Amino acid sequence: MKARNKRRTQNLREFCRKHNATVISTYPSYAEYELGFMNYIWMASPKHHLLYCATPKCGSTMWKSYLLEDLHVNWTGQDTHVAATKRLGIAATYKSSGQGIRQFLRGFRPDNRVIIVRNPWARLASAYDDKIVAKAWELKKMCPGWKKYVGVKQVKFFQFIDCILQRKEQTHYESHTHPLTSLCALCLMDYNIILKLEELEEAEPFLMKRLNFTINPKYRSPRKMKNNAYRDKYLDVTSEQIRQLQVVYKYDIELFNYPQSPLE
């Protein structure tokens, strides 16, 4: 795992040398999201010498709970994300720095700078299951084209894909579906620990040792992580929709060596 992580960090630095300007141009205007966005996405823990981009649909709820537990935070009765935002969000650190957001992100360098990534095809399927199937009312928040599906009792997966592709630019800024290369400011943060959700059962002990965790929770591999669990959802997605998604997630696919098509 150590050697694998070293290769990924080297690949990331090489990738950013080649594509720095292009990739950074896709980043959200973080200032528009104010401090709430920063607190939700980026976690900082001085105890663990840690900056963690809590990428939605990549095990972030689990890892936020691990960090809170290791810090002996009692968040009984609170949502895990709310508790982590209050205890670990980096907005206060950023605000006290007196710097612009990108200047701050370029210079904030704790020893452990962590991102956990995921196959974008599986991540989209997971977002659909958790936010549309289970919580249909979240469609308006999840995608720009939601008005087209008002009154539809159950939005199907290909309709969800159509909905999120109704955007004016190549990227959209809903964190559960936003490309990770953009969402986590990969070419600003110089991440030195890059793990894949698909390998987390193996990677978890590596990361906990690196962070000097005092707890030893047993990794709970979710059922949705089973091989090929997402592929059937794409059978009704058109080839043009897949082509558009390949554009949106181009860098996630290229940088982290994920399949070009969900049907591969």
Protein backbone atom coordinates (compact mmCIF):
# COMPACT_ATOMS: atom_id res chain seq x y z
CA MET A 1 0.00 0.00 0.00
CA LYS A 2 2.85 2.38 0.78
CA ALA A 3 4.41 1.86 -2.66
CA ARG A 4 1.02 2.16 -4.35
CA ASN A 5 0.35 5.45 -2.59
CA LYS A 6 3.78 6.76 -3.56
CA ARG A 7 3.05 6.02 -7.24
CA ARG A 8 -0.28 7.84 -7.01
CA THR A 9 1.20 10.96 -5.45
CA GLN A 10 3.91 10.98 -8.13
CA ASN A 11 1.25 10.57 -10.82
CA LEU A 12 -0.76 13.42 -9.31
CA ARG A 13 2.20 15.80 -9.32
CA GLU A 14 3.05 14.89 -12.90
CA PHE A 15 -0.59 15.29 -13.90
CA CYS A 16 -0.73 18.75 -12.32
CA ARG A 17 2.47 19.81 -14.05
CA LYS A 18 0.86 18.96 -17.39
CA HIS A 19 -2.70 20.12 -16.76
CA ASN A 20 -2.43 22.69 -13.96
CA ALA A 21 -4.09 25.65 -15.67
CA THR A 22 -6.81 23.56 -17.31
CA VAL A 23 -7.70 21.67 -14.14
CA ILE A 24 -7.72 24.74 -11.91
CA SER A 25 -10.06 26.47 -14.33
CA THR A 26 -12.69 23.82 -13.49
CA TYR A 27 -12.58 24.52 -9.73
CA PRO A 28 -15.67 26.00 -8.13
CA SER A 29 -15.45 29.61 -7.03
CA TYR A 30 -14.96 28.51 -3.44
CA ALA A 31 -15.63 32.00 -2.09
CA GLU A 32 -19.18 31.85 -3.47
CA TYR A 33 -19.88 28.90 -1.22
CA GLU A 34 -18.66 30.84 1.80
CA LEU A 35 -17.26 29.09 4.83
CA GLY A 36 -19.98 26.44 5.04
CA PHE A 37 -18.67 24.78 1.88
CA MET A 38 -15.10 24.68 3.22
CA ASN A 39 -16.24 23.24 6.53
CA TYR A 40 -18.23 20.50 4.82
CA ILE A 41 -15.56 19.45 2.33
CA TRP A 42 -12.25 19.93 4.17
CA MET A 43 -11.50 18.52 7.60
CA ALA A 44 -8.43 19.48 9.65
CA SER A 45 -7.16 17.78 12.80
CA PRO A 46 -3.98 19.11 14.47
CA LYS A 47 -3.81 15.94 16.59
CA HIS A 48 -3.51 13.84 13.43
CA HIS A 49 -1.49 16.43 11.47
CA LEU A 50 -4.26 16.05 8.96
CA LEU A 51 -6.04 17.75 6.09
CA TYR A 52 -8.76 15.48 4.70
CA CYS A 53 -10.95 16.21 1.70
CA ALA A 54 -14.16 14.50 2.78
CA THR A 55 -15.32 13.57 -0.70
CA PRO A 56 -19.07 12.77 -0.67
CA LYS A 57 -19.95 9.20 -1.72
CA CYS A 58 -16.38 8.06 -0.96
CA GLY A 59 -16.76 6.86 2.62
CA SER A 60 -16.74 10.35 4.12
CA THR A 61 -19.43 9.65 6.73
CA MET A 62 -17.46 6.69 8.03
CA TRP A 63 -14.15 8.55 8.16
CA LYS A 64 -15.66 11.60 9.81
CA SER A 65 -17.04 9.30 12.51
CA TYR A 66 -13.61 7.66 12.94
CA LEU A 67 -11.95 11.05 13.42
CA LEU A 68 -14.58 12.22 15.89
CA GLU A 69 -14.27 8.98 17.84
CA ASP A 70 -10.47 9.19 17.96
CA LEU A 71 -10.78 12.77 19.23
CA HIS A 72 -13.20 11.56 21.94
CA VAL A 73 -16.00 13.78 20.66
CA ASN A 74 -19.46 12.80 21.83
CA TRP A 75 -21.88 13.61 19.00
CA THR A 76 -24.82 11.50 20.21
CA GLY A 77 -28.01 12.92 18.77
CA GLN A 78 -26.18 14.96 16.13
CA ASP A 79 -25.76 14.22 12.45
CA THR A 80 -22.19 13.03 11.81
CA HIS A 81 -21.59 15.63 9.10
CA VAL A 82 -22.86 18.45 11.31
CA ALA A 83 -20.67 17.33 14.22
CA ALA A 84 -17.61 17.00 11.98
CA THR A 85 -18.22 20.40 10.42
CA LYS A 86 -18.28 22.02 13.87
CA ARG A 87 -15.26 20.17 15.22
CA LEU A 88 -13.05 19.65 12.15
CA GLY A 89 -14.04 22.12 9.41
CA ILE A 90 -11.14 24.29 8.20
CA ALA A 91 -13.05 27.56 7.80
CA ALA A 92 -11.79 28.98 11.10
CA THR A 93 -8.19 28.15 10.16
CA TYR A 94 -8.66 29.78 6.77
CA LYS A 95 -10.36 32.85 8.20
CA SER A 96 -7.59 33.45 10.73
CA SER A 97 -4.92 33.20 8.01
CA GLY A 98 -6.02 36.45 6.38
CA GLN A 99 -5.27 34.95 2.95
CA GLY A 100 -7.29 34.49 -0.19
CA ILE A 101 -8.82 31.02 -0.52
CA ARG A 102 -6.49 29.73 -3.24
CA GLN A 103 -3.43 31.20 -1.56
CA PHE A 104 -4.47 29.46 1.65
CA LEU A 105 -5.04 26.13 -0.09
CA ARG A 106 -1.63 26.31 -1.76
CA GLY A 107 0.12 26.92 1.56
CA PHE A 108 -1.79 24.77 4.07
CA ARG A 109 0.50 21.76 4.40
CA PRO A 110 0.00 19.49 7.42
CA ASP A 111 1.99 16.24 7.27
CA ASN A 112 -0.97 14.11 6.14
CA ARG A 113 -3.03 15.43 3.23
CA VAL A 114 -5.64 12.79 2.45
CA ILE A 115 -8.16 12.20 -0.30
CA ILE A 116 -10.23 9.05 -0.84
CA VAL A 117 -11.45 8.63 -4.42
CA ARG A 118 -13.97 6.36 -6.10
CA ASN A 119 -14.94 5.03 -9.52
CA PRO A 120 -17.07 7.92 -10.88
CA TRP A 121 -19.58 5.53 -12.47
CA ALA A 122 -20.17 3.82 -9.13
CA ARG A 123 -20.20 7.16 -7.30
CA LEU A 124 -23.02 8.45 -9.53
CA ALA A 125 -25.02 5.26 -8.95
CA SER A 126 -24.54 5.63 -5.21
CA ALA A 127 -25.66 9.27 -5.31
CA TYR A 128 -28.81 8.17 -7.14
CA ASP A 129 -29.61 5.41 -4.65
CA ASP A 130 -28.99 7.53 -1.56
CA LYS A 131 -30.34 10.89 -2.71
CA ILE A 132 -33.03 10.15 -5.28
CA VAL A 133 -34.40 6.68 -4.53
CA ALA A 134 -34.27 7.14 -0.76
CA LYS A 135 -34.86 10.92 -0.69
CA ALA A 136 -36.80 11.94 -3.80
CA TRP A 137 -37.29 15.46 -2.45
CA GLU A 138 -33.55 16.12 -2.88
CA LEU A 139 -33.79 16.10 -6.69
CA LYS A 140 -34.06 19.91 -6.77
CA LYS A 141 -30.81 20.25 -4.86
CA MET A 142 -29.01 17.51 -6.77
CA CYS A 143 -29.30 18.64 -10.37
CA PRO A 144 -29.96 21.69 -12.58
CA GLY A 145 -32.64 20.02 -14.72
CA TRP A 146 -34.96 19.09 -11.87
CA LYS A 147 -38.00 21.04 -13.17
CA LYS A 148 -38.33 18.59 -16.07
CA TYR A 149 -39.13 15.82 -13.59
CA VAL A 150 -41.53 17.57 -11.24
CA GLY A 151 -44.42 15.19 -10.57
CA VAL A 152 -42.55 12.05 -11.63
CA LYS A 153 -43.23 9.54 -8.88
CA GLN A 154 -39.87 7.80 -9.15
CA VAL A 155 -37.12 9.33 -11.24
CA LYS A 156 -35.20 6.58 -13.02
CA PHE A 157 -31.43 6.47 -13.19
CA PHE A 158 -31.15 7.58 -16.84
CA GLN A 159 -33.46 10.50 -15.99
CA PHE A 160 -31.22 11.41 -13.05
CA ILE A 161 -28.24 11.44 -15.42
CA ASP A 162 -30.17 13.66 -17.84
CA CYS A 163 -31.05 15.93 -14.95
CA ILE A 164 -27.47 16.48 -13.77
CA LEU A 165 -26.24 17.00 -17.35
CA GLN A 166 -28.56 19.98 -17.83
CA ARG A 167 -25.87 22.53 -17.04
CA LYS A 168 -24.40 25.56 -18.77
CA GLU A 169 -20.80 24.50 -18.22
CA GLN A 170 -18.95 21.20 -18.33
CA THR A 171 -19.04 20.86 -14.56
CA HIS A 172 -21.69 21.28 -11.92
CA TYR A 173 -21.20 22.08 -8.27
CA GLU A 174 -23.30 19.61 -6.32
CA SER A 175 -20.73 17.94 -4.10
CA HIS A 176 -22.14 14.39 -4.35
CA THR A 177 -21.69 14.34 -8.13
CA HIS A 178 -19.02 16.97 -8.74
CA PRO A 179 -15.74 15.61 -10.21
CA LEU A 180 -13.24 14.92 -7.44
CA THR A 181 -10.31 16.48 -9.30
CA SER A 182 -12.19 19.77 -9.16
CA LEU A 183 -14.05 19.47 -5.87
CA CYS A 184 -10.93 18.76 -3.80
CA ALA A 185 -8.60 21.25 -5.55
CA LEU A 186 -6.14 18.49 -6.41
CA CYS A 187 -3.58 20.75 -8.08
CA LEU A 188 -3.56 23.21 -5.18
CA MET A 189 -3.42 20.92 -2.16
CA ASP A 190 -0.51 18.56 -3.00
CA TYR A 191 -2.19 15.50 -1.48
CA ASN A 192 0.32 12.90 -0.28
CA ILE A 193 -2.14 10.13 0.70
CA ILE A 194 -4.44 9.04 -2.12
CA LEU A 195 -6.63 6.01 -1.46
CA LYS A 196 -9.42 4.32 -3.37
CA LEU A 197 -12.70 3.42 -1.72
CA GLU A 198 -12.62 0.10 -3.57
CA GLU A 199 -9.47 -0.93 -1.69
CA LEU A 200 -10.27 0.59 1.68
CA GLU A 201 -10.43 -2.70 3.55
CA GLU A 202 -6.72 -3.01 2.81
CA ALA A 203 -5.93 0.71 2.99
CA GLU A 204 -7.65 1.48 6.29
CA PRO A 205 -4.93 0.00 8.55
CA PHE A 206 -2.30 1.87 6.51
CA LEU A 207 -4.07 5.19 7.03
CA MET A 208 -4.84 4.63 10.70
CA LYS A 209 -1.20 3.83 11.39
CA ARG A 210 -0.11 6.91 9.48
CA LEU A 211 -2.49 9.07 11.55
CA ASN A 212 -1.51 7.41 14.87
CA PHE A 213 -5.10 6.44 15.62
CA THR A 214 -5.83 5.19 19.12
CA ILE A 215 -9.01 3.42 18.04
CA ASN A 216 -9.17 0.28 15.93
CA PRO A 217 -12.62 0.04 14.33
CA LYS A 218 -13.31 -2.85 12.00
CA TYR A 219 -13.81 -1.66 8.43
CA ARG A 220 -17.41 -2.15 7.30
CA SER A 221 -17.39 -2.76 3.57
CA PRO A 222 -20.82 -1.59 2.32
CA ARG A 223 -22.92 -3.89 0.18
CA LYS A 224 -22.91 -1.30 -2.59
CA MET A 225 -19.17 -1.90 -3.02
CA LYS A 226 -19.67 -5.35 -4.52
CA ASN A 227 -18.13 -5.74 -7.96
CA ASN A 228 -20.42 -4.75 -10.84
CA ALA A 229 -23.10 -3.52 -8.43
CA TYR A 230 -23.57 -0.31 -10.43
CA ARG A 231 -23.35 -1.51 -14.04
CA ASP A 232 -26.94 -2.60 -14.60
CA LYS A 233 -28.08 0.95 -13.90
CA TYR A 234 -26.29 2.15 -17.04
CA LEU A 235 -28.03 -0.23 -19.44
CA ASP A 236 -30.75 2.39 -20.08
CA VAL A 237 -28.34 5.33 -20.23
CA THR A 238 -27.81 6.50 -23.81
CA SER A 239 -24.43 6.45 -25.52
CA GLU A 240 -24.62 10.25 -25.81
CA GLN A 241 -25.18 10.60 -22.06
CA ILE A 242 -22.18 8.36 -21.42
CA ARG A 243 -20.11 10.48 -23.81
CA GLN A 244 -21.10 13.63 -21.91
CA LEU A 245 -20.26 11.99 -18.59
CA GLN A 246 -16.86 11.01 -19.98
CA VAL A 247 -16.22 14.71 -20.58
CA VAL A 248 -17.38 15.72 -17.09
CA TYR A 249 -15.31 13.02 -15.34
CA LYS A 250 -12.40 13.01 -17.80
CA TYR A 251 -9.74 13.82 -15.22
CA ASP A 252 -11.15 11.55 -12.50
CA ILE A 253 -11.02 8.67 -14.98
CA GLU A 254 -7.56 9.51 -16.30
CA LEU A 255 -5.81 10.34 -13.06
CA PHE A 256 -7.12 7.46 -10.96
CA ASN A 257 -7.19 4.84 -13.73
CA TYR A 258 -10.90 4.12 -13.74
CA PRO A 259 -12.75 2.56 -16.73
CA GLN A 260 -13.71 4.79 -19.64
CA SER A 261 -17.18 3.28 -19.72
CA PRO A 262 -19.52 1.97 -16.99
CA LEU A 263 -20.13 -1.09 -19.16
CA GLU A 264 -16.48 -2.20 -19.33
